[in-house]
């Protein structure tokens, strides 16, 4: 492992965007929160580092530095094969991350990711015994048998490849891993955000499969669920579009409450309210739906009142 926390220069957008590495370490301030962010899958291009910009915004809002380790899986193997600079399999990678955490000496460690990155955030968060895990739309297993049982075929090719050529170590059921570690007295708080709206072509499921995975993870205990009924798998983009992501990250990572970001109700939404009132929807139901789309309670009530 060639990384050192001594005199590490500060990251910037250009370095994050143009780096050819699989792991980047930001300037270290011992005693501050450490966030380990894992990138999501990308089949057409190399996966990008994730959440760097959001974490910089959170630094500005909180007035505090956040230590950052940015990680990506260039092989799209759900962090089970080589991560250059960290390790060749999960047990290898977690030991390198553990050494980095010990060298940084943070006040708290948070892992975060979406989709493939969410699997890594949960897996390494549990193995490292971090204080907080923030996972957006994670799978709860990489097991072919369970995937067929639950009709979870979205990434079954990855699961088959791992089964046919397994790495030296692997964690293929995160719910089972969480239960095993809980028995050993190790506790990590999980925050699982997920959409419940089906977003697969010709889907016959009543909800998004991400909801099933979230509830499997919640069953291990010490978990908070954040369901979003008007989001599909891309729940991070949904939270960006509805201006709720910054506040959620600030609350979990730094414990600060950000003022709600204003989201204006457009004429199209007002027309939608009027049409649904005409069709018999109750005002209370429409207010709830508008809030689920990120509008404030007061503006939602005003929009519904204006449509009556």
C-alpha atoms as a PDB file:
ATOM      1  CA  UNK A   1       0.000   0.000   0.000  1.00  0.00           C
ATOM      2  CA  UNK A   2       1.655   3.225  -1.143  1.00  0.00           C
ATOM      3  CA  UNK A   3      -0.807   5.716   0.353  1.00  0.00           C
ATOM      4  CA  UNK A   4       0.318   7.825   3.309  1.00  0.00           C
ATOM      5  CA  UNK A   5      -1.705  10.322   5.316  1.00  0.00           C
ATOM      6  CA  UNK A   6       1.322  12.551   5.896  1.00  0.00           C
ATOM      7  CA  UNK A   7       1.207  15.831   3.964  1.00  0.00           C
ATOM      8  CA  UNK A   8      -1.507  14.625   1.587  1.00  0.00           C
ATOM      9  CA  UNK A   9      -2.481  17.532  -0.698  1.00  0.00           C
ATOM     10  CA  UNK A  10      -6.092  18.645  -0.861  1.00  0.00           C
ATOM     11  CA  UNK A  11      -8.200  17.147  -3.610  1.00  0.00           C
ATOM     12  CA  UNK A  12      -9.878  19.318  -6.203  1.00  0.00           C
ATOM     13  CA  UNK A  13     -12.460  18.695  -8.906  1.00  0.00           C
ATOM     14  CA  UNK A  14      -9.862  18.357 -11.655  1.00  0.00           C
ATOM     15  CA  UNK A  15      -7.917  15.659  -9.773  1.00  0.00           C
ATOM     16  CA  UNK A  16     -11.078  13.751  -8.948  1.00  0.00           C
ATOM     17  CA  UNK A  17     -12.291  13.899 -12.559  1.00  0.00           C
ATOM     18  CA  UNK A  18      -9.010  13.057 -14.296  1.00  0.00           C
ATOM     19  CA  UNK A  19      -7.318  10.631 -11.909  1.00  0.00           C
ATOM     20  CA  UNK A  20      -6.422   7.178 -13.208  1.00  0.00           C
ATOM     21  CA  UNK A  21      -6.309   5.714  -9.698  1.00  0.00           C
ATOM     22  CA  UNK A  22      -8.909   3.569  -7.922  1.00  0.00           C
ATOM     23  CA  UNK A  23      -8.519   5.346  -4.588  1.00  0.00           C
ATOM     24  CA  UNK A  24      -7.962   8.986  -3.655  1.00  0.00           C
ATOM     25  CA  UNK A  25      -7.223  10.423  -0.234  1.00  0.00           C
ATOM     26  CA  UNK A  26      -8.020  14.040   0.596  1.00  0.00           C
ATOM     27  CA  UNK A  27      -6.055  16.299   2.933  1.00  0.00           C
ATOM     28  CA  UNK A  28      -6.188  14.837   6.433  1.00  0.00           C
ATOM     29  CA  UNK A  29      -7.234  16.678   9.579  1.00  0.00           C
ATOM     30  CA  UNK A  30      -7.010  14.248  12.534  1.00  0.00           C
ATOM     31  CA  UNK A  31     -10.041  14.368  14.817  1.00  0.00           C
ATOM     32  CA  UNK A  32     -12.517  15.331  12.102  1.00  0.00           C
ATOM     33  CA  UNK A  33     -15.147  13.013  10.585  1.00  0.00           C
ATOM     34  CA  UNK A  34     -13.921  10.604   7.908  1.00  0.00           C
ATOM     35  CA  UNK A  35     -16.213   9.718   4.988  1.00  0.00           C
ATOM     36  CA  UNK A  36     -15.306   6.757   2.783  1.00  0.00           C
ATOM     37  CA  UNK A  37     -17.282   7.102  -0.470  1.00  0.00           C
ATOM     38  CA  UNK A  38     -17.649   4.208  -2.924  1.00  0.00           C
ATOM     39  CA  UNK A  39     -18.442   4.762  -6.602  1.00  0.00           C
ATOM     40  CA  UNK A  40     -21.344   3.204  -8.525  1.00  0.00           C
ATOM     41  CA  UNK A  41     -21.249   0.865 -11.519  1.00  0.00           C
ATOM     42  CA  UNK A  42     -20.538   2.054 -15.049  1.00  0.00           C
ATOM     43  CA  UNK A  43     -20.514  -0.361 -17.989  1.00  0.00           C
ATOM     44  CA  UNK A  44     -19.621   2.044 -20.807  1.00  0.00           C
ATOM     45  CA  UNK A  45     -16.853   4.051 -19.122  1.00  0.00           C
ATOM     46  CA  UNK A  46     -14.697   3.693 -16.051  1.00  0.00           C
ATOM     47  CA  UNK A  47     -16.735   4.227 -12.869  1.00  0.00           C
ATOM     48  CA  UNK A  48     -16.454   7.721 -11.427  1.00  0.00           C
ATOM     49  CA  UNK A  49     -15.652   8.702  -7.878  1.00  0.00           C
ATOM     50  CA  UNK A  50     -18.871   9.599  -6.091  1.00  0.00           C
ATOM     51  CA  UNK A  51     -20.111  12.170  -3.571  1.00  0.00           C
ATOM     52  CA  UNK A  52     -17.003  14.379  -3.650  1.00  0.00           C
ATOM     53  CA  UNK A  53     -18.969  17.476  -4.694  1.00  0.00           C
ATOM     54  CA  UNK A  54     -21.706  16.815  -2.145  1.00  0.00           C
ATOM     55  CA  UNK A  55     -19.153  16.438   0.633  1.00  0.00           C
ATOM     56  CA  UNK A  56     -17.511  19.731  -0.360  1.00  0.00           C
ATOM     57  CA  UNK A  57     -20.909  21.428  -0.129  1.00  0.00           C
ATOM     58  CA  UNK A  58     -21.400  19.882   3.296  1.00  0.00           C
ATOM     59  CA  UNK A  59     -18.037  21.284   4.409  1.00  0.00           C
ATOM     60  CA  UNK A  60     -19.184  24.744   3.349  1.00  0.00           C
ATOM     61  CA  UNK A  61     -22.511  24.375   5.160  1.00  0.00           C
ATOM     62  CA  UNK A  62     -20.984  23.035   8.375  1.00  0.00           C
ATOM     63  CA  UNK A  63     -17.797  25.095   8.413  1.00  0.00           C
ATOM     64  CA  UNK A  64     -15.811  21.924   9.174  1.00  0.00           C
ATOM     65  CA  UNK A  65     -13.360  19.837   7.207  1.00  0.00           C
ATOM     66  CA  UNK A  66     -14.369  16.310   6.252  1.00  0.00           C
ATOM     67  CA  UNK A  67     -11.650  13.730   5.765  1.00  0.00           C
ATOM     68  CA  UNK A  68     -12.363  11.785   2.570  1.00  0.00           C
ATOM     69  CA  UNK A  69     -11.337   8.518   0.991  1.00  0.00           C
ATOM     70  CA  UNK A  70     -12.795   8.085  -2.502  1.00  0.00           C
ATOM     71  CA  UNK A  71     -12.883   4.538  -3.891  1.00  0.00           C
ATOM     72  CA  UNK A  72     -14.092   3.034  -7.163  1.00  0.00           C
ATOM     73  CA  UNK A  73     -14.242  -0.498  -8.557  1.00  0.00           C
ATOM     74  CA  UNK A  74     -12.914  -0.221 -12.102  1.00  0.00           C
ATOM     75  CA  UNK A  75     -13.851  -3.856 -12.752  1.00  0.00           C
ATOM     76  CA  UNK A  76     -17.510  -3.455 -11.730  1.00  0.00           C
ATOM     77  CA  UNK A  77     -17.287  -6.531  -9.486  1.00  0.00           C
ATOM     78  CA  UNK A  78     -19.147  -5.059  -6.529  1.00  0.00           C
ATOM     79  CA  UNK A  79     -15.785  -4.457  -4.797  1.00  0.00           C
ATOM     80  CA  UNK A  80     -14.928  -8.166  -4.673  1.00  0.00           C
ATOM     81  CA  UNK A  81     -11.893  -8.119  -6.944  1.00  0.00           C
ATOM     82  CA  UNK A  82      -8.826  -5.896  -7.298  1.00  0.00           C
ATOM     83  CA  UNK A  83      -9.132  -2.286  -6.167  1.00  0.00           C
ATOM     84  CA  UNK A  84      -5.760  -0.895  -7.220  1.00  0.00           C
ATOM     85  CA  UNK A  85      -3.955   0.535  -4.220  1.00  0.00           C
ATOM     86  CA  UNK A  86      -6.191  -1.168  -1.674  1.00  0.00           C
ATOM     87  CA  UNK A  87      -6.408  -4.920  -2.228  1.00  0.00           C
ATOM     88  CA  UNK A  88      -7.255  -7.883  -4.437  1.00  0.00           C
ATOM     89  CA  UNK A  89     -10.346  -9.079  -2.531  1.00  0.00           C
ATOM     90  CA  UNK A  90     -12.589  -7.750   0.278  1.00  0.00           C
ATOM     91  CA  UNK A  91     -10.543  -9.009   3.254  1.00  0.00           C
ATOM     92  CA  UNK A  92      -7.411  -7.567   1.672  1.00  0.00           C
ATOM     93  CA  UNK A  93      -9.098  -4.250   0.938  1.00  0.00           C
ATOM     94  CA  UNK A  94     -10.647  -3.902   4.382  1.00  0.00           C
ATOM     95  CA  UNK A  95      -7.283  -4.342   6.088  1.00  0.00           C
ATOM     96  CA  UNK A  96      -5.787  -1.521   4.028  1.00  0.00           C
ATOM     97  CA  UNK A  97      -8.775   0.703   4.770  1.00  0.00           C
ATOM     98  CA  UNK A  98      -8.489  -0.135   8.457  1.00  0.00           C
ATOM     99  CA  UNK A  99      -4.833   0.932   8.461  1.00  0.00           C
ATOM    100  CA  UNK A 100      -5.794   4.213   6.778  1.00  0.00           C
ATOM    101  CA  UNK A 101      -8.541   4.865   9.327  1.00  0.00           C
ATOM    102  CA  UNK A 102      -6.116   4.249  12.182  1.00  0.00           C
ATOM    103  CA  UNK A 103      -3.584   6.638  10.625  1.00  0.00           C
ATOM    104  CA  UNK A 104      -6.187   9.375  10.045  1.00  0.00           C
ATOM    105  CA  UNK A 105      -7.542   9.118  13.629  1.00  0.00           C
ATOM    106  CA  UNK A 106     -11.012  10.509  12.852  1.00  0.00           C
ATOM    107  CA  UNK A 107     -13.711  11.324  15.390  1.00  0.00           C
ATOM    108  CA  UNK A 108     -16.217   9.230  13.440  1.00  0.00           C
ATOM    109  CA  UNK A 109     -16.224   7.101  10.283  1.00  0.00           C
ATOM    110  CA  UNK A 110     -19.061   7.100   7.747  1.00  0.00           C
ATOM    111  CA  UNK A 111     -19.243   4.938   4.617  1.00  0.00           C
ATOM    112  CA  UNK A 112     -21.494   6.009   1.761  1.00  0.00           C
ATOM    113  CA  UNK A 113     -22.455   4.816  -1.718  1.00  0.00           C
ATOM    114  CA  UNK A 114     -25.243   4.247  -4.204  1.00  0.00           C
ATOM    115  CA  UNK A 115     -26.114   1.003  -6.023  1.00  0.00           C
ATOM    116  CA  UNK A 116     -22.838  -0.937  -6.397  1.00  0.00           C
ATOM    117  CA  UNK A 117     -21.211   1.641  -4.124  1.00  0.00           C
ATOM    118  CA  UNK A 118     -23.979   1.091  -1.584  1.00  0.00           C
ATOM    119  CA  UNK A 119     -23.121  -2.612  -1.399  1.00  0.00           C
ATOM    120  CA  UNK A 120     -19.530  -1.646  -0.656  1.00  0.00           C
ATOM    121  CA  UNK A 121     -20.613   0.964   1.894  1.00  0.00           C
ATOM    122  CA  UNK A 122     -22.587  -1.667   3.811  1.00  0.00           C
ATOM    123  CA  UNK A 123     -20.014  -4.452   3.433  1.00  0.00           C
ATOM    124  CA  UNK A 124     -16.951  -2.436   4.399  1.00  0.00           C
ATOM    125  CA  UNK A 125     -18.906  -0.383   6.921  1.00  0.00           C
ATOM    126  CA  UNK A 126     -19.842  -3.544   8.790  1.00  0.00           C
ATOM    127  CA  UNK A 127     -16.363  -5.051   8.518  1.00  0.00           C
ATOM    128  CA  UNK A 128     -14.684  -1.820   9.661  1.00  0.00           C
ATOM    129  CA  UNK A 129     -17.261  -1.299  12.442  1.00  0.00           C
ATOM    130  CA  UNK A 130     -17.846   2.294  11.353  1.00  0.00           C
ATOM    131  CA  UNK A 131     -20.344   4.434  13.213  1.00  0.00           C
ATOM    132  CA  UNK A 132     -22.640   5.205  10.259  1.00  0.00           C
ATOM    133  CA  UNK A 133     -23.407   3.666   6.866  1.00  0.00           C
ATOM    134  CA  UNK A 134     -25.408   5.605   4.263  1.00  0.00           C
ATOM    135  CA  UNK A 135     -26.541   3.323   1.436  1.00  0.00           C
ATOM    136  CA  UNK A 136     -28.758   4.391  -1.465  1.00  0.00           C
ATOM    137  CA  UNK A 137     -30.481   1.462  -3.206  1.00  0.00           C
ATOM    138  CA  UNK A 138     -28.142  -1.355  -2.124  1.00  0.00           C
ATOM    139  CA  UNK A 139     -28.414  -5.013  -2.970  1.00  0.00           C
ATOM    140  CA  UNK A 140     -28.455  -7.193   0.136  1.00  0.00           C
ATOM    141  CA  UNK A 141     -26.920 -10.246  -1.544  1.00  0.00           C
ATOM    142  CA  UNK A 142     -24.750 -11.341  -4.470  1.00  0.00           C
ATOM    143  CA  UNK A 143     -25.927 -14.935  -4.345  1.00  0.00           C
ATOM    144  CA  UNK A 144     -27.315 -16.530  -7.534  1.00  0.00           C
ATOM    145  CA  UNK A 145     -29.662 -18.889  -5.693  1.00  0.00           C
ATOM    146  CA  UNK A 146     -31.276 -16.064  -3.724  1.00  0.00           C
ATOM    147  CA  UNK A 147     -31.388 -13.868  -6.809  1.00  0.00           C
ATOM    148  CA  UNK A 148     -33.436 -16.492  -8.646  1.00  0.00           C
ATOM    149  CA  UNK A 149     -35.630 -17.010  -5.599  1.00  0.00           C
ATOM    150  CA  UNK A 150     -36.478 -13.297  -5.400  1.00  0.00           C
ATOM    151  CA  UNK A 151     -36.561 -12.825  -9.197  1.00  0.00           C
ATOM    152  CA  UNK A 152     -33.663 -10.395  -8.810  1.00  0.00           C
ATOM    153  CA  UNK A 153     -32.047 -10.520 -12.243  1.00  0.00           C
ATOM    154  CA  UNK A 154     -30.733  -6.978 -12.611  1.00  0.00           C
ATOM    155  CA  UNK A 155     -27.080  -7.851 -11.915  1.00  0.00           C
ATOM    156  CA  UNK A 156     -27.206 -11.644 -11.972  1.00  0.00           C
ATOM    157  CA  UNK A 157     -24.364 -11.756 -14.528  1.00  0.00           C
ATOM    158  CA  UNK A 158     -22.051 -10.231 -11.921  1.00  0.00           C
ATOM    159  CA  UNK A 159     -23.240 -12.768  -9.351  1.00  0.00           C
ATOM    160  CA  UNK A 160     -22.633 -15.671 -11.745  1.00  0.00           C
ATOM    161  CA  UNK A 161     -19.129 -14.408 -12.563  1.00  0.00           C
ATOM    162  CA  UNK A 162     -18.242 -14.245  -8.860  1.00  0.00           C
ATOM    163  CA  UNK A 163     -19.696 -17.709  -8.291  1.00  0.00           C
ATOM    164  CA  UNK A 164     -17.809 -19.250 -11.209  1.00  0.00           C
ATOM    165  CA  UNK A 165     -14.488 -17.582 -10.377  1.00  0.00           C
ATOM    166  CA  UNK A 166     -14.638 -16.639  -6.680  1.00  0.00           C
ATOM    167  CA  UNK A 167     -12.095 -14.233  -5.201  1.00  0.00           C
ATOM    168  CA  UNK A 168      -9.977 -15.245  -2.191  1.00  0.00           C
ATOM    169  CA  UNK A 169     -12.625 -13.764   0.122  1.00  0.00           C
ATOM    170  CA  UNK A 170     -16.202 -12.672  -0.428  1.00  0.00           C
ATOM    171  CA  UNK A 171     -19.354 -11.533   1.315  1.00  0.00           C
ATOM    172  CA  UNK A 172     -22.406 -12.606  -0.639  1.00  0.00           C
ATOM    173  CA  UNK A 173     -25.184 -11.958   1.905  1.00  0.00           C
ATOM    174  CA  UNK A 174     -24.905  -8.671   3.763  1.00  0.00           C
ATOM    175  CA  UNK A 175     -27.888  -9.424   5.999  1.00  0.00           C
ATOM    176  CA  UNK A 176     -26.177 -12.615   7.179  1.00  0.00           C
ATOM    177  CA  UNK A 177     -22.922 -10.701   7.704  1.00  0.00           C
ATOM    178  CA  UNK A 178     -24.732  -8.092   9.787  1.00  0.00           C
ATOM    179  CA  UNK A 179     -26.385 -10.735  11.973  1.00  0.00           C
ATOM    180  CA  UNK A 180     -23.064 -12.499  12.491  1.00  0.00           C
ATOM    181  CA  UNK A 181     -21.337  -9.305  13.577  1.00  0.00           C
ATOM    182  CA  UNK A 182     -24.254  -8.306  15.818  1.00  0.00           C
ATOM    183  CA  UNK A 183     -23.928 -11.599  17.679  1.00  0.00           C
ATOM    184  CA  UNK A 184     -20.289 -10.694  18.257  1.00  0.00           C
ATOM    185  CA  UNK A 185     -21.431  -7.426  19.826  1.00  0.00           C
ATOM    186  CA  UNK A 186     -20.381  -5.168  16.954  1.00  0.00           C
ATOM    187  CA  UNK A 187     -22.913  -2.494  16.059  1.00  0.00           C
ATOM    188  CA  UNK A 188     -22.991  -0.107  13.101  1.00  0.00           C
ATOM    189  CA  UNK A 189     -25.936   2.187  12.396  1.00  0.00           C
ATOM    190  CA  UNK A 190     -27.284   1.714   8.862  1.00  0.00           C
ATOM    191  CA  UNK A 191     -29.244   4.346   6.944  1.00  0.00           C
ATOM    192  CA  UNK A 192     -30.859   2.785   3.863  1.00  0.00           C
ATOM    193  CA  UNK A 193     -32.571   5.055   1.315  1.00  0.00           C
ATOM    194  CA  UNK A 194     -34.472   3.416  -1.522  1.00  0.00           C
ATOM    195  CA  UNK A 195     -37.223   3.962  -4.070  1.00  0.00           C
ATOM    196  CA  UNK A 196     -40.349   1.848  -4.023  1.00  0.00           C
ATOM    197  CA  UNK A 197     -41.585   2.725  -7.511  1.00  0.00           C
ATOM    198  CA  UNK A 198     -40.916  -0.069 -10.061  1.00  0.00           C
ATOM    199  CA  UNK A 199     -38.510   1.164 -12.712  1.00  0.00           C
ATOM    200  CA  UNK A 200     -37.718  -1.951 -14.732  1.00  0.00           C
ATOM    201  CA  UNK A 201     -39.190  -2.322 -18.236  1.00  0.00           C
ATOM    202  CA  UNK A 202     -42.325  -4.504 -18.250  1.00  0.00           C
ATOM    203  CA  UNK A 203     -42.028  -4.919 -14.484  1.00  0.00           C
ATOM    204  CA  UNK A 204     -44.614  -7.114 -12.811  1.00  0.00           C
ATOM    205  CA  UNK A 205     -43.414  -6.437  -9.261  1.00  0.00           C
ATOM    206  CA  UNK A 206     -45.665  -4.277  -7.107  1.00  0.00           C
ATOM    207  CA  UNK A 207     -42.679  -2.317  -5.738  1.00  0.00           C
ATOM    208  CA  UNK A 208     -39.051  -1.785  -6.614  1.00  0.00           C
ATOM    209  CA  UNK A 209     -36.849  -4.732  -5.671  1.00  0.00           C
ATOM    210  CA  UNK A 210     -34.692  -2.280  -3.730  1.00  0.00           C
ATOM    211  CA  UNK A 211     -37.435  -2.295  -1.073  1.00  0.00           C
ATOM    212  CA  UNK A 212     -36.978  -6.033  -0.580  1.00  0.00           C
ATOM    213  CA  UNK A 213     -33.239  -5.606  -0.131  1.00  0.00           C
ATOM    214  CA  UNK A 214     -33.727  -2.715   2.288  1.00  0.00           C
ATOM    215  CA  UNK A 215     -36.034  -4.751   4.494  1.00  0.00           C
ATOM    216  CA  UNK A 216     -33.650  -7.710   4.472  1.00  0.00           C
ATOM    217  CA  UNK A 217     -30.932  -5.377   5.765  1.00  0.00           C
ATOM    218  CA  UNK A 218     -33.268  -3.765   8.290  1.00  0.00           C
ATOM    219  CA  UNK A 219     -34.005  -7.163   9.819  1.00  0.00           C
ATOM    220  CA  UNK A 220     -30.476  -7.258  11.261  1.00  0.00           C
ATOM    221  CA  UNK A 221     -31.391  -4.317  13.521  1.00  0.00           C
ATOM    222  CA  UNK A 222     -29.820  -0.902  14.154  1.00  0.00           C
ATOM    223  CA  UNK A 223     -31.120   0.306  10.794  1.00  0.00           C
ATOM    224  CA  UNK A 224     -33.169   3.310   9.689  1.00  0.00           C
ATOM    225  CA  UNK A 225     -35.121   3.045   6.431  1.00  0.00           C
ATOM    226  CA  UNK A 226     -35.888   5.988   4.146  1.00  0.00           C
ATOM    227  CA  UNK A 227     -38.432   4.828   1.513  1.00  0.00           C
ATOM    228  CA  UNK A 228     -39.257   7.173  -1.362  1.00  0.00           C
ATOM    229  CA  UNK A 229     -42.424   6.079  -3.194  1.00  0.00           C
ATOM    230  CA  UNK A 230     -41.852   8.291  -6.239  1.00  0.00           C
ATOM    231  CA  UNK A 231     -38.311   7.132  -6.898  1.00  0.00           C
ATOM    232  CA  UNK A 232     -36.991   4.106  -8.731  1.00  0.00           C
ATOM    233  CA  UNK A 233     -33.487   2.701  -8.285  1.00  0.00           C
ATOM    234  CA  UNK A 234     -31.843   6.102  -8.919  1.00  0.00           C
ATOM    235  CA  UNK A 235     -32.850   7.445  -5.524  1.00  0.00           C
ATOM    236  CA  UNK A 236     -29.861   9.794  -5.253  1.00  0.00           C
ATOM    237  CA  UNK A 237     -30.925  11.582  -8.437  1.00  0.00           C
ATOM    238  CA  UNK A 238     -34.488  11.746  -7.088  1.00  0.00           C
ATOM    239  CA  UNK A 239     -33.219  13.410  -3.906  1.00  0.00           C
ATOM    240  CA  UNK A 240     -31.120  15.840  -5.936  1.00  0.00           C
ATOM    241  CA  UNK A 241     -34.102  16.710  -8.138  1.00  0.00           C
ATOM    242  CA  UNK A 242     -36.309  17.282  -5.095  1.00  0.00           C
ATOM    243  CA  UNK A 243     -33.541  19.191  -3.247  1.00  0.00           C
ATOM    244  CA  UNK A 244     -33.430  16.863  -0.243  1.00  0.00           C
ATOM    245  CA  UNK A 245     -30.039  15.191  -0.549  1.00  0.00           C
ATOM    246  CA  UNK A 246     -27.921  17.881   1.128  1.00  0.00           C
ATOM    247  CA  UNK A 247     -30.117  18.012   4.223  1.00  0.00           C
ATOM    248  CA  UNK A 248     -30.155  14.219   4.587  1.00  0.00           C
ATOM    249  CA  UNK A 249     -26.357  13.965   4.360  1.00  0.00           C
ATOM    250  CA  UNK A 250     -25.849  16.871   6.750  1.00  0.00           C
ATOM    251  CA  UNK A 251     -28.124  15.334   9.365  1.00  0.00           C
ATOM    252  CA  UNK A 252     -26.453  11.916   9.300  1.00  0.00           C
ATOM    253  CA  UNK A 253     -22.820  12.876   8.756  1.00  0.00           C
ATOM    254  CA  UNK A 254     -22.446  16.052  10.806  1.00  0.00           C
ATOM    255  CA  UNK A 255     -25.596  16.158  12.935  1.00  0.00           C
ATOM    256  CA  UNK A 256     -26.610  19.597  11.657  1.00  0.00           C
ATOM    257  CA  UNK A 257     -30.026  20.554  10.345  1.00  0.00           C
ATOM    258  CA  UNK A 258     -29.985  22.513   7.110  1.00  0.00           C
ATOM    259  CA  UNK A 259     -32.851  24.804   6.191  1.00  0.00           C
ATOM    260  CA  UNK A 260     -35.094  23.230   3.537  1.00  0.00           C
ATOM    261  CA  UNK A 261     -34.072  24.202   0.013  1.00  0.00           C
ATOM    262  CA  UNK A 262     -36.967  26.005  -1.664  1.00  0.00           C
ATOM    263  CA  UNK A 263     -38.671  24.113  -4.458  1.00  0.00           C
ATOM    264  CA  UNK A 264     -41.248  26.097  -6.411  1.00  0.00           C
ATOM    265  CA  UNK A 265     -44.535  24.487  -7.395  1.00  0.00           C
ATOM    266  CA  UNK A 266     -44.746  24.931 -11.157  1.00  0.00           C
ATOM    267  CA  UNK A 267     -47.888  25.559 -13.239  1.00  0.00           C
ATOM    268  CA  UNK A 268     -47.684  21.921 -14.365  1.00  0.00           C
ATOM    269  CA  UNK A 269     -47.908  20.762 -10.760  1.00  0.00           C
ATOM    270  CA  UNK A 270     -50.821  23.126 -10.107  1.00  0.00           C
ATOM    271  CA  UNK A 271     -52.617  21.670 -13.122  1.00  0.00           C
ATOM    272  CA  UNK A 272     -51.899  18.179 -11.762  1.00  0.00           C
ATOM    273  CA  UNK A 273     -53.424  19.142  -8.403  1.00  0.00           C
ATOM    274  CA  UNK A 274     -56.546  20.573 -10.041  1.00  0.00           C
ATOM    275  CA  UNK A 275     -56.991  17.479 -12.221  1.00  0.00           C
ATOM    276  CA  UNK A 276     -56.611  15.063  -9.308  1.00  0.00           C
ATOM    277  CA  UNK A 277     -59.026  17.039  -7.158  1.00  0.00           C
ATOM    278  CA  UNK A 278     -61.503  16.869 -10.039  1.00  0.00           C
ATOM    279  CA  UNK A 279     -61.017  13.077 -10.173  1.00  0.00           C
ATOM    280  CA  UNK A 280     -61.824  12.711  -6.474  1.00  0.00           C
ATOM    281  CA  UNK A 281     -58.458  12.694  -4.676  1.00  0.00           C
ATOM    282  CA  UNK A 282     -58.577  14.112  -1.164  1.00  0.00           C
ATOM    283  CA  UNK A 283     -56.642  17.285  -0.295  1.00  0.00           C
ATOM    284  CA  UNK A 284     -54.746  15.389   2.425  1.00  0.00           C
ATOM    285  CA  UNK A 285     -53.584  12.766  -0.081  1.00  0.00           C
ATOM    286  CA  UNK A 286     -52.363  15.393  -2.549  1.00  0.00           C
ATOM    287  CA  UNK A 287     -50.506  17.328   0.158  1.00  0.00           C
ATOM    288  CA  UNK A 288     -48.721  14.113   1.113  1.00  0.00           C
ATOM    289  CA  UNK A 289     -47.780  13.371  -2.507  1.00  0.00           C
ATOM    290  CA  UNK A 290     -46.447  16.881  -3.048  1.00  0.00           C
ATOM    291  CA  UNK A 291     -44.312  16.572   0.074  1.00  0.00           C
ATOM    292  CA  UNK A 292     -42.947  13.266  -1.212  1.00  0.00           C
ATOM    293  CA  UNK A 293     -41.779  15.184  -4.265  1.00  0.00           C
ATOM    294  CA  UNK A 294     -39.842  17.616  -2.067  1.00  0.00           C
ATOM    295  CA  UNK A 295     -42.275  20.506  -1.719  1.00  0.00           C
ATOM    296  CA  UNK A 296     -42.677  22.057   1.721  1.00  0.00           C
ATOM    297  CA  UNK A 297     -45.811  21.416   3.748  1.00  0.00           C
ATOM    298  CA  UNK A 298     -46.900  25.060   3.527  1.00  0.00           C
ATOM    299  CA  UNK A 299     -46.457  25.317  -0.250  1.00  0.00           C
ATOM    300  CA  UNK A 300     -48.203  21.958  -0.715  1.00  0.00           C
ATOM    301  CA  UNK A 301     -51.208  23.093   1.319  1.00  0.00           C
ATOM    302  CA  UNK A 302     -51.323  26.371  -0.582  1.00  0.00           C
ATOM    303  CA  UNK A 303     -51.202  24.591  -3.948  1.00  0.00           C
ATOM    304  CA  UNK A 304     -54.026  22.248  -2.989  1.00  0.00           C
ATOM    305  CA  UNK A 305     -56.109  25.082  -1.562  1.00  0.00           C
ATOM    306  CA  UNK A 306     -55.588  27.019  -4.793  1.00  0.00           C
ATOM    307  CA  UNK A 307     -56.793  24.051  -6.826  1.00  0.00           C
ATOM    308  CA  UNK A 308     -60.115  23.672  -5.048  1.00  0.00           C
END
